[in-house]
């Protein structure tokens, strides 16, 4: 076990802001949201990777090994499980494509949310640059509405809207919007 002085460790809530980790120890793995400019009731595991423009509501917990990039808005009372990846269009031709997660949503471990993907119908698959990249990719916002739940290791593709209260089973590939049962 190699110990690193706390002064050298940093976390980021926004790619333009870097702040030192204060009073983080092995016995305190969760950071308070106020470190990121979020409500103090938010808890973020110190091994989470957050970059871009991310907003988080009160009483939300983000577990270890979570990756969040781009434009992402997470509501109140949510749980983002370990190893979840949310890609909100950060640093791409589809920067306007973001992710909105409503209040009370649960994303189980290993869920992947994408706001862009390669357009296989374009005929361009590898080596994209410049204008070719724009033609060869597809991007659209993703909305996971309030009180929805997404099962472990599910994948949510661009343009999907998961309506209120929808339960997505484990290992699902969500290609189209899912309407609420009530």
C-alpha atoms as a PDB file:
ATOM      1  CA  UNK A   1       0.000   0.000   0.000  1.00  0.00           C
ATOM      2  CA  UNK A   2       1.453   3.312  -1.098  1.00  0.00           C
ATOM      3  CA  UNK A   3       0.218   6.421   0.669  1.00  0.00           C
ATOM      4  CA  UNK A   4       0.013   9.626  -1.321  1.00  0.00           C
ATOM      5  CA  UNK A   5       0.043  12.984   0.487  1.00  0.00           C
ATOM      6  CA  UNK A   6      -3.457  14.496   0.472  1.00  0.00           C
ATOM      7  CA  UNK A   7      -2.168  17.695  -1.112  1.00  0.00           C
ATOM      8  CA  UNK A   8      -1.489  15.826  -4.375  1.00  0.00           C
ATOM      9  CA  UNK A   9      -4.952  14.253  -4.671  1.00  0.00           C
ATOM     10  CA  UNK A  10      -7.644  16.132  -6.599  1.00  0.00           C
ATOM     11  CA  UNK A  11     -11.244  15.645  -7.627  1.00  0.00           C
ATOM     12  CA  UNK A  12     -13.221  17.556 -10.220  1.00  0.00           C
ATOM     13  CA  UNK A  13     -16.898  18.452 -10.481  1.00  0.00           C
ATOM     14  CA  UNK A  14     -16.227  20.599 -13.516  1.00  0.00           C
ATOM     15  CA  UNK A  15     -13.359  20.283 -15.951  1.00  0.00           C
ATOM     16  CA  UNK A  16     -12.395  23.903 -15.244  1.00  0.00           C
ATOM     17  CA  UNK A  17     -12.339  23.483 -11.440  1.00  0.00           C
ATOM     18  CA  UNK A  18      -9.875  21.358  -9.472  1.00  0.00           C
ATOM     19  CA  UNK A  19     -10.130  21.239  -5.686  1.00  0.00           C
ATOM     20  CA  UNK A  20      -7.997  19.428  -3.079  1.00  0.00           C
ATOM     21  CA  UNK A  21      -9.502  16.510  -1.202  1.00  0.00           C
ATOM     22  CA  UNK A  22      -9.936  17.521   2.419  1.00  0.00           C
ATOM     23  CA  UNK A  23      -9.959  15.038   5.292  1.00  0.00           C
ATOM     24  CA  UNK A  24     -10.442  11.900   3.208  1.00  0.00           C
ATOM     25  CA  UNK A  25      -9.355   8.681   4.859  1.00  0.00           C
ATOM     26  CA  UNK A  26      -9.849   4.964   4.306  1.00  0.00           C
ATOM     27  CA  UNK A  27     -12.647   5.016   6.916  1.00  0.00           C
ATOM     28  CA  UNK A  28     -14.448   7.892   5.122  1.00  0.00           C
ATOM     29  CA  UNK A  29     -14.806   6.812   1.488  1.00  0.00           C
ATOM     30  CA  UNK A  30     -17.650   9.241   0.673  1.00  0.00           C
ATOM     31  CA  UNK A  31     -17.145  12.955   0.073  1.00  0.00           C
ATOM     32  CA  UNK A  32     -19.775  15.568   0.852  1.00  0.00           C
ATOM     33  CA  UNK A  33     -21.471  17.193  -2.134  1.00  0.00           C
ATOM     34  CA  UNK A  34     -20.420  20.650  -0.950  1.00  0.00           C
ATOM     35  CA  UNK A  35     -16.881  19.841  -2.152  1.00  0.00           C
ATOM     36  CA  UNK A  36     -18.314  19.867  -5.693  1.00  0.00           C
ATOM     37  CA  UNK A  37     -20.655  22.814  -5.208  1.00  0.00           C
ATOM     38  CA  UNK A  38     -23.668  20.505  -4.762  1.00  0.00           C
ATOM     39  CA  UNK A  39     -25.959  20.173  -1.707  1.00  0.00           C
ATOM     40  CA  UNK A  40     -24.147  18.928   1.410  1.00  0.00           C
ATOM     41  CA  UNK A  41     -26.509  15.910   1.626  1.00  0.00           C
ATOM     42  CA  UNK A  42     -25.030  14.467  -1.615  1.00  0.00           C
ATOM     43  CA  UNK A  43     -22.431  11.716  -1.134  1.00  0.00           C
ATOM     44  CA  UNK A  44     -19.803  10.942  -3.762  1.00  0.00           C
ATOM     45  CA  UNK A  45     -17.353   8.077  -3.366  1.00  0.00           C
ATOM     46  CA  UNK A  46     -13.757   9.263  -3.574  1.00  0.00           C
ATOM     47  CA  UNK A  47     -13.113   6.743  -6.378  1.00  0.00           C
ATOM     48  CA  UNK A  48     -15.802   8.247  -8.636  1.00  0.00           C
ATOM     49  CA  UNK A  49     -14.647  10.039 -11.795  1.00  0.00           C
ATOM     50  CA  UNK A  50     -16.752  13.115 -12.580  1.00  0.00           C
ATOM     51  CA  UNK A  51     -15.933  15.594 -15.350  1.00  0.00           C
ATOM     52  CA  UNK A  52     -17.982  18.136 -17.262  1.00  0.00           C
ATOM     53  CA  UNK A  53     -21.116  20.017 -16.305  1.00  0.00           C
ATOM     54  CA  UNK A  54     -22.810  17.815 -13.735  1.00  0.00           C
ATOM     55  CA  UNK A  55     -25.656  18.897 -11.448  1.00  0.00           C
ATOM     56  CA  UNK A  56     -26.776  16.664  -8.583  1.00  0.00           C
ATOM     57  CA  UNK A  57     -29.869  16.992  -6.370  1.00  0.00           C
ATOM     58  CA  UNK A  58     -30.141  16.543  -2.606  1.00  0.00           C
ATOM     59  CA  UNK A  59     -29.727  13.162  -0.903  1.00  0.00           C
ATOM     60  CA  UNK A  60     -28.202  11.480  -3.961  1.00  0.00           C
ATOM     61  CA  UNK A  61     -25.397   8.924  -3.611  1.00  0.00           C
ATOM     62  CA  UNK A  62     -22.748   8.197  -6.255  1.00  0.00           C
ATOM     63  CA  UNK A  63     -20.770   5.022  -5.575  1.00  0.00           C
ATOM     64  CA  UNK A  64     -17.196   3.938  -6.373  1.00  0.00           C
ATOM     65  CA  UNK A  65     -15.883   3.560  -9.936  1.00  0.00           C
ATOM     66  CA  UNK A  66     -18.695   5.662 -11.418  1.00  0.00           C
ATOM     67  CA  UNK A  67     -17.752   7.695 -14.508  1.00  0.00           C
ATOM     68  CA  UNK A  68     -19.817  10.754 -15.427  1.00  0.00           C
ATOM     69  CA  UNK A  69     -18.798  13.006 -18.328  1.00  0.00           C
ATOM     70  CA  UNK A  70     -20.442  15.829 -20.230  1.00  0.00           C
ATOM     71  CA  UNK A  71     -23.774  17.465 -19.470  1.00  0.00           C
ATOM     72  CA  UNK A  72     -25.576  15.411 -16.828  1.00  0.00           C
ATOM     73  CA  UNK A  73     -28.348  16.449 -14.453  1.00  0.00           C
ATOM     74  CA  UNK A  74     -29.208  14.028 -11.633  1.00  0.00           C
ATOM     75  CA  UNK A  75     -32.297  14.627  -9.486  1.00  0.00           C
ATOM     76  CA  UNK A  76     -32.930  14.279  -5.758  1.00  0.00           C
ATOM     77  CA  UNK A  77     -32.858  10.987  -3.823  1.00  0.00           C
ATOM     78  CA  UNK A  78     -31.089   9.024  -6.572  1.00  0.00           C
ATOM     79  CA  UNK A  79     -28.620   6.165  -6.260  1.00  0.00           C
ATOM     80  CA  UNK A  80     -25.933   5.709  -8.902  1.00  0.00           C
ATOM     81  CA  UNK A  81     -24.466   2.236  -8.280  1.00  0.00           C
ATOM     82  CA  UNK A  82     -20.861   1.159  -8.555  1.00  0.00           C
ATOM     83  CA  UNK A  83     -19.238   1.026 -12.012  1.00  0.00           C
ATOM     84  CA  UNK A  84     -22.015   3.005 -13.717  1.00  0.00           C
ATOM     85  CA  UNK A  85     -20.894   5.050 -16.748  1.00  0.00           C
ATOM     86  CA  UNK A  86     -22.870   8.068 -17.957  1.00  0.00           C
ATOM     87  CA  UNK A  87     -21.537   9.731 -21.107  1.00  0.00           C
ATOM     88  CA  UNK A  88     -23.310  13.060 -21.648  1.00  0.00           C
ATOM     89  CA  UNK A  89     -21.685  14.193 -24.903  1.00  0.00           C
ATOM     90  CA  UNK A  90     -18.481  15.606 -23.407  1.00  0.00           C
ATOM     91  CA  UNK A  91     -15.852  16.756 -25.929  1.00  0.00           C
ATOM     92  CA  UNK A  92     -17.563  15.530 -29.063  1.00  0.00           C
ATOM     93  CA  UNK A  93     -19.509  16.832 -32.025  1.00  0.00           C
ATOM     94  CA  UNK A  94     -22.702  16.144 -30.030  1.00  0.00           C
ATOM     95  CA  UNK A  95     -21.975  18.361 -27.011  1.00  0.00           C
ATOM     96  CA  UNK A  96     -25.647  19.394 -26.869  1.00  0.00           C
ATOM     97  CA  UNK A  97     -26.738  15.823 -26.140  1.00  0.00           C
ATOM     98  CA  UNK A  98     -27.017  15.439 -22.385  1.00  0.00           C
ATOM     99  CA  UNK A  99     -28.488  13.119 -19.789  1.00  0.00           C
ATOM    100  CA  UNK A 100     -31.351  14.043 -17.455  1.00  0.00           C
ATOM    101  CA  UNK A 101     -32.039  11.702 -14.539  1.00  0.00           C
ATOM    102  CA  UNK A 102     -35.198  12.450 -12.553  1.00  0.00           C
ATOM    103  CA  UNK A 103     -35.846  12.287  -8.813  1.00  0.00           C
ATOM    104  CA  UNK A 104     -35.755   8.894  -7.093  1.00  0.00           C
ATOM    105  CA  UNK A 105     -34.016   7.032  -9.933  1.00  0.00           C
ATOM    106  CA  UNK A 106     -31.830   3.984  -9.219  1.00  0.00           C
ATOM    107  CA  UNK A 107     -29.082   2.895 -11.633  1.00  0.00           C
ATOM    108  CA  UNK A 108     -27.806  -0.540 -10.619  1.00  0.00           C
ATOM    109  CA  UNK A 109     -24.118  -1.547 -10.873  1.00  0.00           C
ATOM    110  CA  UNK A 110     -22.603  -1.588 -14.346  1.00  0.00           C
ATOM    111  CA  UNK A 111     -25.291   0.440 -16.155  1.00  0.00           C
ATOM    112  CA  UNK A 112     -24.013   2.332 -19.225  1.00  0.00           C
ATOM    113  CA  UNK A 113     -25.784   5.422 -20.601  1.00  0.00           C
ATOM    114  CA  UNK A 114     -24.670   6.780 -23.985  1.00  0.00           C
ATOM    115  CA  UNK A 115     -25.724  10.007 -25.719  1.00  0.00           C
ATOM    116  CA  UNK A 116     -23.837   9.213 -28.898  1.00  0.00           C
ATOM    117  CA  UNK A 117     -22.858   6.225 -30.969  1.00  0.00           C
ATOM    118  CA  UNK A 118     -21.403   5.397 -34.370  1.00  0.00           C
ATOM    119  CA  UNK A 119     -23.931   5.478 -37.199  1.00  0.00           C
ATOM    120  CA  UNK A 120     -23.223   2.166 -38.918  1.00  0.00           C
ATOM    121  CA  UNK A 121     -25.479   3.093 -41.864  1.00  0.00           C
ATOM    122  CA  UNK A 122     -23.125   5.938 -42.829  1.00  0.00           C
ATOM    123  CA  UNK A 123     -20.578   3.532 -44.318  1.00  0.00           C
ATOM    124  CA  UNK A 124     -17.808   5.153 -42.268  1.00  0.00           C
ATOM    125  CA  UNK A 125     -16.739   2.945 -39.387  1.00  0.00           C
ATOM    126  CA  UNK A 126     -13.111   3.651 -38.488  1.00  0.00           C
ATOM    127  CA  UNK A 127     -10.632   6.513 -38.705  1.00  0.00           C
ATOM    128  CA  UNK A 128     -13.165   9.357 -38.430  1.00  0.00           C
ATOM    129  CA  UNK A 129     -11.876  12.923 -38.482  1.00  0.00           C
ATOM    130  CA  UNK A 130     -13.501  16.333 -38.967  1.00  0.00           C
ATOM    131  CA  UNK A 131     -16.685  16.374 -41.051  1.00  0.00           C
ATOM    132  CA  UNK A 132     -16.533  12.589 -41.466  1.00  0.00           C
ATOM    133  CA  UNK A 133     -16.956  12.212 -37.698  1.00  0.00           C
ATOM    134  CA  UNK A 134     -20.144  14.294 -37.753  1.00  0.00           C
ATOM    135  CA  UNK A 135     -21.616  12.169 -40.541  1.00  0.00           C
ATOM    136  CA  UNK A 136     -20.516   8.911 -38.943  1.00  0.00           C
ATOM    137  CA  UNK A 137     -21.986   9.438 -35.482  1.00  0.00           C
ATOM    138  CA  UNK A 138     -25.432   9.873 -34.030  1.00  0.00           C
ATOM    139  CA  UNK A 139     -26.167  11.759 -30.820  1.00  0.00           C
ATOM    140  CA  UNK A 140     -29.354  12.532 -28.893  1.00  0.00           C
ATOM    141  CA  UNK A 141     -30.258  13.309 -25.271  1.00  0.00           C
ATOM    142  CA  UNK A 142     -31.260  10.570 -22.825  1.00  0.00           C
ATOM    143  CA  UNK A 143     -33.995  11.072 -20.213  1.00  0.00           C
ATOM    144  CA  UNK A 144     -34.548   8.677 -17.308  1.00  0.00           C
ATOM    145  CA  UNK A 145     -37.684   9.972 -15.645  1.00  0.00           C
ATOM    146  CA  UNK A 146     -38.574  10.000 -11.949  1.00  0.00           C
ATOM    147  CA  UNK A 147     -38.769   6.776  -9.943  1.00  0.00           C
ATOM    148  CA  UNK A 148     -37.449   4.634 -12.793  1.00  0.00           C
ATOM    149  CA  UNK A 149     -35.009   1.829 -12.073  1.00  0.00           C
ATOM    150  CA  UNK A 150     -32.421   0.346 -14.426  1.00  0.00           C
ATOM    151  CA  UNK A 151     -31.113  -3.172 -13.716  1.00  0.00           C
ATOM    152  CA  UNK A 152     -27.471  -4.227 -13.519  1.00  0.00           C
ATOM    153  CA  UNK A 153     -25.277  -4.068 -16.642  1.00  0.00           C
ATOM    154  CA  UNK A 154     -28.017  -2.601 -18.839  1.00  0.00           C
ATOM    155  CA  UNK A 155     -27.099  -0.332 -21.758  1.00  0.00           C
ATOM    156  CA  UNK A 156     -29.152   2.744 -22.677  1.00  0.00           C
ATOM    157  CA  UNK A 157     -28.584   4.115 -26.186  1.00  0.00           C
ATOM    158  CA  UNK A 158     -28.952   7.723 -27.475  1.00  0.00           C
ATOM    159  CA  UNK A 159     -32.405   9.263 -27.787  1.00  0.00           C
ATOM    160  CA  UNK A 160     -34.076   6.986 -25.230  1.00  0.00           C
ATOM    161  CA  UNK A 161     -36.702   8.313 -22.820  1.00  0.00           C
ATOM    162  CA  UNK A 162     -37.501   6.010 -19.913  1.00  0.00           C
ATOM    163  CA  UNK A 163     -40.819   7.250 -18.539  1.00  0.00           C
ATOM    164  CA  UNK A 164     -41.787   7.559 -14.825  1.00  0.00           C
ATOM    165  CA  UNK A 165     -41.798   4.364 -12.790  1.00  0.00           C
ATOM    166  CA  UNK A 166     -40.466   2.072 -15.531  1.00  0.00           C
ATOM    167  CA  UNK A 167     -38.379  -0.874 -14.301  1.00  0.00           C
ATOM    168  CA  UNK A 168     -35.683  -2.030 -16.750  1.00  0.00           C
ATOM    169  CA  UNK A 169     -34.469  -5.580 -16.133  1.00  0.00           C
ATOM    170  CA  UNK A 170     -30.823  -6.551 -15.726  1.00  0.00           C
ATOM    171  CA  UNK A 171     -28.690  -7.002 -18.874  1.00  0.00           C
ATOM    172  CA  UNK A 172     -31.167  -5.065 -21.052  1.00  0.00           C
ATOM    173  CA  UNK A 173     -30.290  -3.184 -24.226  1.00  0.00           C
ATOM    174  CA  UNK A 174     -32.621  -0.175 -24.361  1.00  0.00           C
ATOM    175  CA  UNK A 175     -32.782   1.082 -27.962  1.00  0.00           C
ATOM    176  CA  UNK A 176     -36.204   2.752 -27.883  1.00  0.00           C
ATOM    177  CA  UNK A 177     -38.176   4.795 -25.373  1.00  0.00           C
ATOM    178  CA  UNK A 178     -40.072   2.861 -22.700  1.00  0.00           C
ATOM    179  CA  UNK A 179     -43.534   4.122 -21.715  1.00  0.00           C
ATOM    180  CA  UNK A 180     -44.844   4.031 -18.175  1.00  0.00           C
ATOM    181  CA  UNK A 181     -47.272   1.318 -17.148  1.00  0.00           C
ATOM    182  CA  UNK A 182     -49.409   3.778 -15.203  1.00  0.00           C
END
